[in-house]
Protein backbone atom coordinates (compact mmCIF):
# COMPACT_ATOMS: atom_id res chain seq x y z
CA MET A 1 115.69 -0.34 -27.97
CA MET A 2 118.69 0.33 -30.21
CA PRO A 3 121.95 1.01 -28.43
CA PRO A 4 123.37 4.62 -28.77
CA PRO A 5 125.54 5.06 -31.79
CA SER A 6 129.32 4.26 -31.17
CA LEU A 7 131.50 7.12 -30.99
CA GLY A 8 134.78 5.26 -31.68
CA PHE A 9 135.59 4.61 -28.08
CA ALA A 10 135.96 1.08 -26.79
CA PRO A 11 132.94 -0.11 -24.76
CA GLN A 12 133.46 0.72 -21.15
CA ILE A 13 131.23 0.80 -18.16
CA GLY A 14 130.04 4.24 -17.22
CA LEU A 15 130.45 5.72 -20.73
CA THR A 16 126.87 5.25 -21.75
CA PRO A 17 124.30 5.98 -18.61
CA GLY A 18 121.98 3.37 -18.06
CA PRO A 19 118.49 3.88 -16.86
CA GLU A 20 119.56 3.86 -13.14
CA HIS A 21 122.17 6.56 -13.71
CA ALA A 22 119.72 8.66 -15.67
CA LEU A 23 117.08 8.42 -12.92
CA GLU A 24 119.51 9.33 -10.15
CA HIS A 25 120.89 12.15 -12.23
CA ARG A 26 117.26 13.34 -12.60
CA HIS A 27 116.75 13.07 -8.89
CA VAL A 28 119.85 15.06 -8.14
CA LEU A 29 118.71 17.91 -10.45
CA ASP A 30 115.18 17.87 -8.98
CA ALA A 31 116.72 17.98 -5.37
CA VAL A 32 118.96 20.94 -6.58
CA THR A 33 116.17 22.85 -8.29
CA ALA A 34 113.80 22.36 -5.04
CA GLN A 35 116.76 23.51 -2.77
CA THR A 36 117.42 26.59 -5.04
CA MET A 37 113.78 27.57 -4.94
CA TYR A 38 113.73 27.18 -1.08
CA LEU A 39 116.91 29.32 -0.74
CA LEU A 40 115.77 31.86 -3.12
CA ALA A 41 112.82 32.64 -1.02
CA GLN A 42 114.68 33.29 2.05
CA PRO A 43 115.87 36.79 3.06
CA LEU A 44 119.45 37.27 4.00
CA PRO A 45 119.24 36.83 7.96
CA ASP A 46 117.27 33.59 7.58
CA LEU A 47 119.50 32.22 4.93
CA ALA A 48 122.50 32.98 7.12
CA ALA A 49 121.06 31.10 9.98
CA GLU A 50 120.05 28.14 7.62
CA ILE A 51 123.55 27.88 6.51
CA GLN A 52 124.94 28.11 10.01
CA ARG A 53 122.72 25.32 11.11
CA ALA A 54 123.69 23.20 8.18
CA LEU A 55 127.37 23.65 8.98
CA GLN A 56 126.85 22.45 12.47
CA GLU A 57 124.82 19.56 11.44
CA ASN A 58 126.56 18.29 8.37
CA PRO A 59 130.25 17.19 8.53
CA ALA A 60 130.52 17.19 4.74
CA LEU A 61 130.14 21.05 4.70
CA GLU A 62 132.93 23.46 5.32
CA LEU A 63 133.39 27.28 5.29
CA VAL A 64 136.70 28.37 3.78
CA GLU A 65 137.84 31.76 5.20
CA ASP A 66 140.77 32.61 3.16
CA PRO A 67 143.16 35.42 4.77
CA ARG A 68 143.07 36.86 1.40
CA PRO A 69 139.29 36.73 0.44
CA ARG A 70 138.23 35.50 -2.84
CA CYS A 71 135.20 36.13 -5.10
CA PRO A 72 132.36 33.68 -4.20
CA ARG A 73 131.57 33.15 -7.82
CA CYS A 74 134.87 33.06 -9.80
CA GLY A 75 137.28 32.39 -7.06
CA ALA A 76 139.61 35.42 -7.99
CA ARG A 77 141.33 37.26 -5.27
CA LEU A 78 139.59 40.41 -4.15
CA VAL A 79 141.16 43.81 -4.54
CA GLN A 80 139.89 46.22 -1.81
CA GLY A 81 136.84 44.03 -1.11
CA GLN A 82 135.84 43.77 -4.92
CA CYS A 83 136.37 40.92 -7.45
CA PRO A 84 138.30 42.50 -10.37
CA ARG A 85 136.86 40.06 -12.81
CA CYS A 86 133.01 40.41 -11.78
CA THR A 87 133.16 44.12 -11.45
CA MET A 88 134.52 44.75 -14.81
CA PRO A 89 132.01 46.67 -17.00
CA ALA A 90 130.63 44.06 -19.48
CA THR A 91 130.09 47.03 -22.15
CA ALA A 92 131.19 50.63 -22.45
CA ASP A 93 127.62 51.64 -22.07
CA PRO A 94 127.38 53.67 -18.78
CA GLN A 95 123.70 52.57 -18.32
CA GLU A 96 124.59 48.97 -18.10
CA PRO A 97 124.98 48.19 -14.19
CA ILE A 98 127.73 46.19 -12.83
CA VAL A 99 126.34 43.39 -10.75
CA PHE A 100 128.09 40.82 -8.66
CA VAL A 101 128.12 38.71 -5.53
CA SER A 102 129.69 40.68 -2.52
CA PRO A 103 131.43 38.25 -0.01
CA ARG A 104 131.84 41.36 2.32
CA ASP A 105 129.69 41.47 5.44
CA ASP A 106 130.09 45.32 5.67
CA HIS A 107 126.43 45.94 5.05
CA TRP A 108 125.26 43.03 7.24
CA PRO A 109 123.97 42.63 9.95
CA LEU A 110 123.65 46.36 10.16
CA PRO A 111 123.00 48.42 6.98
CA ALA A 112 125.02 51.40 6.01
CA ARG A 113 123.67 54.76 7.15
CA PRO A 114 123.18 57.77 4.80
CA ALA A 115 126.39 59.94 4.76
CA THR A 116 123.99 62.96 5.68
CA GLU A 117 122.68 61.37 8.88
CA GLU A 118 124.46 61.97 12.07
CA PRO A 119 125.64 58.89 13.93
CA PHE A 120 123.35 57.75 16.58
CA ASP A 121 124.61 57.90 20.14
CA PRO A 122 123.16 55.12 22.32
CA ALA A 123 123.95 57.30 25.46
CA GLU A 124 121.44 59.90 24.50
CA THR A 125 118.71 57.57 25.21
CA LEU A 126 119.55 57.94 28.94
CA LEU A 127 118.47 61.62 28.47
CA ALA A 128 114.79 60.77 27.46
CA GLN A 129 112.31 61.53 29.97
CA ARG A 130 109.79 58.72 30.19
CA VAL A 131 106.73 59.67 32.26
CA ASP A 132 103.32 58.43 32.82
CA LEU A 133 100.17 60.38 32.07
CA ALA A 134 99.62 61.26 35.71
CA THR A 135 103.07 62.64 36.24
CA TYR A 136 102.96 64.58 32.85
CA VAL A 137 99.69 66.29 33.87
CA GLY A 138 100.82 66.93 37.51
CA ARG A 139 103.88 68.88 36.35
CA GLN A 140 101.67 71.23 34.39
CA VAL A 141 99.09 71.85 37.14
CA SER A 142 101.44 72.11 40.07
CA LEU A 143 102.13 75.86 39.11
CA GLU A 144 98.50 76.77 39.53
CA LEU A 145 97.68 74.48 42.47
CA ARG A 146 100.01 75.91 45.29
CA GLU A 147 97.80 74.99 48.19
CA PRO A 148 98.58 71.67 50.04
CA ALA A 149 94.92 70.66 49.92
CA GLU A 150 94.63 71.32 46.27
CA ARG A 151 97.69 69.38 45.69
CA ARG A 152 96.44 66.43 47.56
CA ILE A 153 93.07 66.71 45.50
CA ALA A 154 95.00 66.70 42.19
CA ALA A 155 97.15 63.69 43.37
CA PHE A 156 94.21 61.79 44.05
CA LEU A 157 92.37 62.49 40.85
CA LEU A 158 95.44 61.99 38.78
CA GLY A 159 95.76 58.55 40.38
CA ASN A 160 92.30 57.65 39.26
CA LEU A 161 92.73 58.14 35.69
CA ASP A 162 92.23 55.21 33.28
CA GLU A 163 94.45 54.45 30.24
CA ASP A 164 92.04 56.90 28.16
CA GLY A 165 92.63 59.71 30.49
CA LEU A 166 89.22 59.46 31.94
CA LEU A 167 88.21 59.94 35.67
CA THR A 168 87.20 56.64 37.11
CA VAL A 169 85.76 58.18 40.47
CA GLY A 170 82.93 60.74 40.74
CA VAL A 171 83.23 64.22 42.23
CA ALA A 172 81.11 63.30 45.20
CA GLU A 173 83.08 60.19 45.95
CA ALA A 174 86.39 62.13 45.72
CA ALA A 175 85.01 64.79 48.14
CA LEU A 176 83.87 62.22 50.54
CA ARG A 177 87.04 60.25 50.71
CA LEU A 178 89.24 63.31 50.82
CA ARG A 179 87.03 65.02 53.46
CA VAL A 180 86.86 68.28 51.27
CA SER A 181 83.95 70.14 49.86
CA ARG A 182 82.52 69.24 46.30
CA ALA A 183 83.38 72.78 45.09
CA GLN A 184 87.02 72.32 45.95
CA VAL A 185 87.15 69.07 44.00
CA GLU A 186 85.37 70.64 40.89
CA GLY A 187 87.88 73.48 41.24
CA VAL A 188 90.83 71.28 40.95
CA LEU A 189 89.19 69.18 38.29
CA ALA A 190 88.71 72.25 35.92
CA VAL A 191 92.36 72.99 36.30
CA ILE A 192 93.34 69.47 35.29
CA GLN A 193 90.90 69.55 32.23
CA ARG A 194 92.62 72.47 30.76
CA ALA A 195 95.96 70.78 30.90
CA ASP A 196 97.60 69.13 27.92
CA PRO A 197 96.04 66.92 26.65
CA LEU A 198 92.88 68.82 26.82
CA GLY A 199 89.85 67.27 28.60
CA VAL A 200 92.09 64.87 30.68
CA GLY A 201 90.25 63.94 33.82
CA SER A 202 86.95 64.21 32.54
CA PRO A 203 84.26 61.64 33.71
CA SER A 204 83.16 60.67 30.34
CA PRO A 205 83.86 60.98 26.68
CA GLN A 206 81.22 63.55 26.10
CA ALA A 207 82.54 65.49 29.15
CA ALA A 208 86.04 65.50 27.63
CA LEU A 209 84.71 66.74 24.33
CA LEU A 210 82.86 69.44 26.12
CA ALA A 211 86.10 70.59 28.11
CA GLN A 212 88.02 70.80 24.86
CA ALA A 213 85.35 72.79 23.22
CA GLN A 214 85.15 75.29 26.04
CA ALA A 215 89.01 75.69 25.80
CA LEU A 216 88.93 76.16 22.10
CA ALA A 217 85.99 78.73 22.34
CA GLU A 218 88.36 81.04 24.25
CA GLN A 219 90.86 81.04 21.29
CA ARG A 220 88.47 80.87 18.24
CA ALA A 221 85.11 81.06 17.00
CA LEU A 222 83.16 77.83 16.95
CA PRO A 223 80.06 76.65 15.08
CA GLU A 224 77.16 78.05 17.02
CA ALA A 225 75.74 74.57 17.88
CA VAL A 226 78.91 72.99 19.43
CA LEU A 227 78.70 73.95 22.84
CA PRO A 228 74.85 73.49 23.12
CA LEU A 229 75.18 70.01 21.40
CA LEU A 230 77.92 68.88 23.80
CA ALA A 231 76.11 70.31 26.89
CA ASP A 232 72.81 68.09 26.03
CA ALA A 233 73.40 64.75 27.60
CA GLN A 234 71.67 62.90 24.90
CA GLY A 235 72.72 65.17 21.96
CA LEU A 236 75.29 62.99 20.24
CA ALA A 237 73.50 59.69 20.91
CA ASP A 238 70.20 61.24 19.33
CA TRP A 239 72.32 62.21 16.31
CA ALA A 240 73.79 58.73 16.05
CA ARG A 241 70.21 57.19 16.13
CA GLY A 242 69.34 59.40 13.18
CA GLU A 243 67.18 61.69 15.22
CA GLY A 244 68.65 64.80 13.97
CA LYS A 245 65.51 66.78 13.32
CA ALA A 246 64.23 66.22 16.86
CA LEU A 247 67.73 67.08 18.31
CA ALA A 248 67.73 70.33 16.21
CA LYS A 249 64.23 71.19 17.40
CA ARG A 250 65.21 70.61 21.07
CA LEU A 251 68.22 72.78 20.69
CA GLY A 252 66.36 75.43 18.95
CA MET A 253 68.57 75.39 15.93
CA SER A 254 68.53 74.46 12.29
CA LEU A 255 69.57 71.08 11.11
CA GLU A 256 72.26 72.50 9.23
CA ALA A 257 73.76 74.19 12.16
CA VAL A 258 73.64 70.74 14.11
CA SER A 259 75.39 69.08 11.19
CA GLU A 260 78.06 71.61 10.96
CA ALA A 261 78.71 71.12 14.67
CA VAL A 262 78.94 67.40 14.37
CA ALA A 263 81.42 67.69 11.70
CA PHE A 264 83.45 70.12 13.63
CA ILE A 265 83.46 67.74 16.65
CA ALA A 266 84.57 64.79 14.53
CA ARG A 267 87.60 66.72 12.92
CA ASN A 268 88.72 68.61 16.01
CA LEU A 269 87.99 66.91 19.28
CA ASN A 270 88.99 63.67 20.91
CA PRO A 271 86.67 61.85 23.29
CA TYR A 272 89.60 59.94 24.75
CA PRO A 273 92.28 62.54 25.56
CA ALA A 274 95.09 60.18 26.60
CA ARG A 275 95.20 58.77 22.98
CA ALA A 276 96.66 61.99 21.81
CA ALA A 277 100.28 62.62 21.69
CA TRP A 278 101.87 63.48 25.21
CA GLY A 279 104.58 62.26 27.64
CA GLU A 280 108.03 61.50 26.49
CA HIS A 281 107.31 62.83 22.78
CA ARG A 282 107.12 66.21 24.45
CA LEU A 283 109.02 66.19 27.64
CA GLY A 284 112.05 64.23 26.22
CA MET A 285 113.52 62.57 23.19
CA ALA A 286 111.48 60.03 21.52
CA PRO A 287 113.10 56.57 21.23
CA PRO A 288 114.97 56.13 17.87
CA PRO A 289 113.10 54.35 15.11
CA PRO A 290 114.16 50.77 14.51
CA PRO A 291 116.75 50.19 11.90
CA PRO A 292 115.91 48.87 8.49
CA PRO A 293 116.14 45.28 7.78
CA ALA A 294 119.60 44.07 6.56
CA PRO A 295 119.77 44.70 2.76
CA ASP A 296 120.04 41.80 0.56
CA VAL A 297 121.12 44.01 -2.17
CA VAL A 298 123.31 47.25 -2.18
CA ILE A 299 123.37 49.66 -4.93
CA SER A 300 125.93 52.30 -5.27
CA LEU A 301 127.50 54.62 -7.90
CA HIS A 302 130.67 53.59 -9.61
CA ASN A 303 133.49 55.93 -8.56
CA ARG A 304 130.64 58.20 -7.26
CA ASP A 305 129.85 59.40 -10.65
CA PRO A 306 126.00 59.88 -11.16
CA HIS A 307 126.67 59.49 -14.90
CA GLY A 308 128.52 56.27 -14.55
CA PRO A 309 127.15 52.74 -14.13
CA LEU A 310 125.33 51.43 -11.10
CA VAL A 311 127.23 49.04 -8.93
CA VAL A 312 124.93 46.34 -7.54
CA GLU A 313 126.23 44.06 -4.90
CA VAL A 314 124.20 40.79 -4.19
CA ILE A 315 125.17 40.18 -0.54
CA SER A 316 126.32 36.77 0.21
CA PRO A 317 124.96 35.29 3.46
CA VAL A 318 128.60 33.92 4.40
CA ALA A 319 131.76 35.61 4.91
CA GLY A 320 133.84 32.71 3.15
CA ARG A 321 133.34 30.15 0.55
CA LEU A 322 130.96 27.37 1.24
CA GLN A 323 131.97 24.10 -0.19
CA VAL A 324 131.98 20.33 0.26
CA ASP A 325 134.97 19.12 2.27
CA PRO A 326 137.41 17.39 0.08
CA LEU A 327 138.76 15.32 3.08
CA PHE A 328 135.11 14.14 3.73
CA ARG A 329 135.00 12.78 0.15
CA HIS A 330 138.18 10.95 0.67
CA ALA A 331 136.94 9.49 3.95
CA LEU A 332 133.87 8.37 2.14
CA LYS A 333 135.96 6.45 -0.45
CA GLN A 334 137.87 4.67 2.48
CA CYS A 335 134.77 3.79 4.41
CA THR A 336 133.38 0.15 4.07
CA ASN A 337 131.33 -0.26 7.25
CA GLY A 338 127.72 0.31 8.02
CA ARG A 339 128.36 4.19 8.44
CA ARG A 340 128.82 4.56 4.64
CA ALA A 341 125.15 5.04 3.89
CA THR A 342 125.02 7.93 6.51
CA LEU A 343 128.03 9.48 5.10
CA GLN A 344 126.61 9.28 1.62
CA GLU A 345 123.61 11.12 2.78
CA HIS A 346 125.71 13.80 4.37
CA LEU A 347 127.55 14.26 1.09
CA ALA A 348 124.53 14.42 -0.96
CA GLN A 349 122.84 16.90 1.29
CA ALA A 350 126.08 19.18 1.31
CA THR A 351 126.25 18.97 -2.52
CA VAL A 352 122.59 19.88 -3.02
CA LEU A 353 123.01 22.92 -0.55
CA VAL A 354 126.22 24.19 -2.14
CA LYS A 355 124.83 23.95 -5.84
CA GLY A 356 121.46 25.39 -4.70
CA LEU A 357 123.27 28.42 -3.01
CA ARG A 358 125.34 28.93 -6.31
CA GLN A 359 122.13 28.93 -8.45
CA ARG A 360 120.34 31.18 -5.99
CA GLU A 361 123.07 33.68 -6.41
CA ASN A 362 123.26 33.27 -10.15
CA THR A 363 119.37 34.08 -10.10
CA MET A 364 119.72 37.13 -7.83
CA VAL A 365 122.53 38.45 -10.17
CA ARG A 366 120.55 38.12 -13.28
CA LEU A 367 117.30 39.44 -11.61
CA MET A 368 119.06 42.65 -10.37
CA GLN A 369 120.96 43.11 -13.68
CA ALA A 370 117.52 43.23 -15.31
CA VAL A 371 115.88 45.49 -12.67
CA ALA A 372 118.71 48.10 -12.41
CA ARG A 373 118.93 48.32 -16.07
CA ARG A 374 115.22 49.09 -16.46
CA GLN A 375 114.89 51.18 -13.14
CA ARG A 376 118.05 53.30 -13.18
CA ALA A 377 116.18 56.61 -13.01
CA PHE A 378 113.94 55.31 -10.26
CA ILE A 379 117.11 54.28 -8.30
CA LEU A 380 118.65 57.75 -8.48
CA ARG A 381 115.76 60.05 -8.63
CA GLY A 382 112.98 58.59 -6.83
CA ASP A 383 109.30 57.40 -7.17
CA ALA A 384 108.32 60.06 -9.80
CA TYR A 385 110.74 58.38 -12.36
CA HIS A 386 109.54 54.68 -11.70
CA GLN A 387 108.98 52.65 -14.87
CA PRO A 388 106.06 50.13 -14.93
CA LEU A 389 107.45 46.79 -14.45
CA THR A 390 105.96 43.39 -13.78
CA ARG A 391 107.35 40.00 -12.56
CA ALA A 392 106.03 38.46 -15.61
CA THR A 393 108.15 40.78 -17.86
CA ILE A 394 111.31 39.98 -15.92
CA ALA A 395 110.73 36.32 -15.84
CA GLN A 396 110.21 36.20 -19.68
CA GLU A 397 113.43 38.29 -20.02
CA LEU A 398 115.41 35.96 -17.75
CA GLY A 399 113.77 32.60 -19.25
CA VAL A 400 112.38 31.47 -15.87
CA HIS A 401 109.14 30.92 -14.35
CA GLU A 402 107.18 33.84 -12.88
CA SER A 403 107.00 32.09 -9.52
CA THR A 404 110.86 31.97 -9.52
CA VAL A 405 110.84 35.73 -9.69
CA SER A 406 108.24 36.23 -7.02
CA ARG A 407 110.32 33.81 -4.61
CA ALA A 408 113.46 36.01 -5.61
CA VAL A 409 111.49 39.30 -4.83
CA ARG A 410 109.81 38.16 -1.49
CA ASP A 411 110.85 39.74 1.67
CA LYS A 412 114.19 41.12 0.16
CA TRP A 413 115.40 44.72 0.80
CA VAL A 414 117.61 46.83 -1.42
CA GLN A 415 119.72 49.77 -0.24
CA LEU A 416 119.81 52.59 -2.71
CA PRO A 417 122.76 54.97 -3.21
CA SER A 418 121.21 57.57 -1.16
CA GLY A 419 121.38 55.07 1.86
CA LYS A 420 117.59 54.58 2.02
CA SER A 421 116.48 50.95 2.06
CA ILE A 422 113.12 49.88 0.32
CA PRO A 423 111.62 46.48 -0.35
CA LEU A 424 112.89 44.85 -3.58
CA SER A 425 109.12 44.42 -4.32
CA ARG A 426 108.82 48.22 -4.58
CA PHE A 427 110.49 48.04 -8.12
CA PHE A 428 107.36 46.14 -9.26
CA GLU A 429 104.79 48.11 -7.49
CA PRO A 430 102.20 49.55 -10.14
CA HIS A 431 101.36 53.17 -10.62
CA LEU A 432 104.11 54.37 -8.20
CA ALA A 433 104.82 57.43 -10.49
CA VAL A 434 101.25 58.60 -10.58
CA ARG A 435 101.11 58.24 -6.80
CA ALA A 436 104.18 60.38 -6.59
CA ALA A 437 102.63 62.99 -8.74
CA LEU A 438 99.43 62.78 -6.61
CA ARG A 439 101.46 63.40 -3.46
CA GLN A 440 103.17 66.41 -5.19
CA LEU A 441 99.90 67.84 -6.21
CA VAL A 442 98.42 67.66 -2.78
CA ALA A 443 101.54 69.16 -1.29
CA GLU A 444 101.59 72.15 -3.58
CA GLU A 445 97.69 72.78 -3.49
CA VAL A 446 96.65 76.37 -2.34
CA GLU A 447 93.12 75.08 -1.46
CA PRO A 448 92.11 71.48 -0.96
CA LEU A 449 91.44 69.87 -4.29
CA SER A 450 88.60 67.29 -4.84
CA ASP A 451 89.49 63.81 -6.14
CA ALA A 452 87.90 65.02 -9.64
CA ALA A 453 90.05 68.12 -9.62
CA LEU A 454 93.20 65.95 -8.76
CA ALA A 455 92.23 63.61 -11.71
CA ARG A 456 91.89 66.41 -14.12
CA GLN A 457 95.36 67.82 -13.07
CA LEU A 458 96.91 64.28 -13.31
CA ARG A 459 95.42 63.92 -16.72
CA ALA A 460 97.14 67.11 -17.67
CA LEU A 461 100.41 65.57 -16.54
CA GLY A 462 99.84 62.50 -18.79
CA TYR A 463 98.52 60.08 -16.20
CA ARG A 464 95.08 58.71 -17.42
CA VAL A 465 93.19 58.08 -14.24
CA ALA A 466 89.64 58.44 -13.09
CA ARG A 467 88.32 60.15 -10.05
CA ARG A 468 87.72 56.72 -8.37
CA THR A 469 91.38 55.78 -9.08
CA VAL A 470 92.47 58.96 -7.43
CA ALA A 471 90.48 58.23 -4.46
CA LYS A 472 91.93 54.75 -4.20
CA TYR A 473 95.70 56.13 -4.48
CA ARG A 474 94.87 58.84 -1.97
CA ALA A 475 93.71 56.19 0.44
CA MET A 476 96.92 54.13 -0.23
CA GLU A 477 99.05 57.22 0.33
CA GLY A 478 97.19 57.98 3.57
CA ILE A 479 95.96 61.51 2.18
CA PRO A 480 92.67 62.43 3.79
CA PRO A 481 89.75 63.84 1.54
CA ALA A 482 89.49 67.37 0.58
CA TYR A 483 87.24 68.28 3.23
CA ARG A 484 89.55 67.09 5.93
CA ARG A 485 92.72 68.73 4.43
CA ARG A 486 93.46 71.98 5.99
CA LYS A 487 96.53 74.04 5.57
CA LYS A 488 98.29 74.73 8.78
CA PRO A 489 99.49 78.12 9.48
CA GLN A 490 103.00 79.00 8.16
CA ALA A 491 104.10 79.77 11.69
CA ALA A 492 103.40 76.34 12.88
């Protein structure tokens, strides 16, 4: 092999890397790349825990917390929590986002709340009334059952409800154990079954359906076959076995009437009353929803100007600057005993972690630069303005492998200018705009529209979708089919 051409320097050891140095350099690059890919896939809380663990186990690492914080990328002093260099607009184009790594932990571990949302007072949870089903029903029937004997029967029956709200003891057994008449137990049970949730205390799912139907019959007209069908002990079972004609003949009704009754029962009645909403949701304040995950990226408006550039902060997992301790390097040079190999390993691991973290931040900044540029309207105005975007497109623009983009997107959350947090993967969801249009059409419909009719209206709006596609999107959005969608009264 010919030696490399001379550049005019005197031959010195180390100027021309030999095979061993080249192989070692390649191993370092491979280790940094592997570390970068691992760190890139970690969401912010997991990454922060990983770095804290490394700081405790590796003496070569140090976290510098300057009283006057510096930018984790360029090292410049921060002004009001922002880097004056990294936050400078690269161009005069207001559509070009300003993306930088934010060393502040203002948004983590608790994300910022929308300005329009009232602060949550933890003391309010003490006012919530958390009751079980028996207590909830007992409070309702206590106004009708004034006699001590009736209250004793009610307490016994309510104490024998299962988790579905069904009675686990028979009327005859209850009468025997309480030493009262069967008629007294049946009278108290009828009052309980009319409490909320309707049908509670029924001895069986079919009895619960019958109790609910009887209560509804006093308020509205029911299909004529509903009550006879539920009163028949084998009616629903026969229908389930496909013996609808025999059932209709036994009830003395047409098959269409029985079919209509079955459809009404499926839509309006519940064989397991306790699975309906009750208890603390109605008697007290429901527990607050869990807060969204800590955002990995925070997007805001520059100077609160909706026409100005977007400010995109990639949140750093540490409050200071992670680096290799220079004193550790000096100690390693002075070490000549058997500990040198261990110290070198600590130094190599620390170097790889610091470089991997820098590359992770650089990848996230470039990714969010491309995403925010393409999805500005979606960020500011919602799903209807989402632009089709794939991971492969962004990977090609950034000059990286598609798997790198997938790692960067996985399990990450973005806080929008409105204060709402969404998964980063939502920027890449296909057909988000057409699904938003579908939701809008369903919300504005006067009469429930079939999937075919919805497909026609969507095509009129410029979305070329088939009926099957509409059915798929409707299922993804949790929208029931047309025959199950009913407009609620305006008073409700």
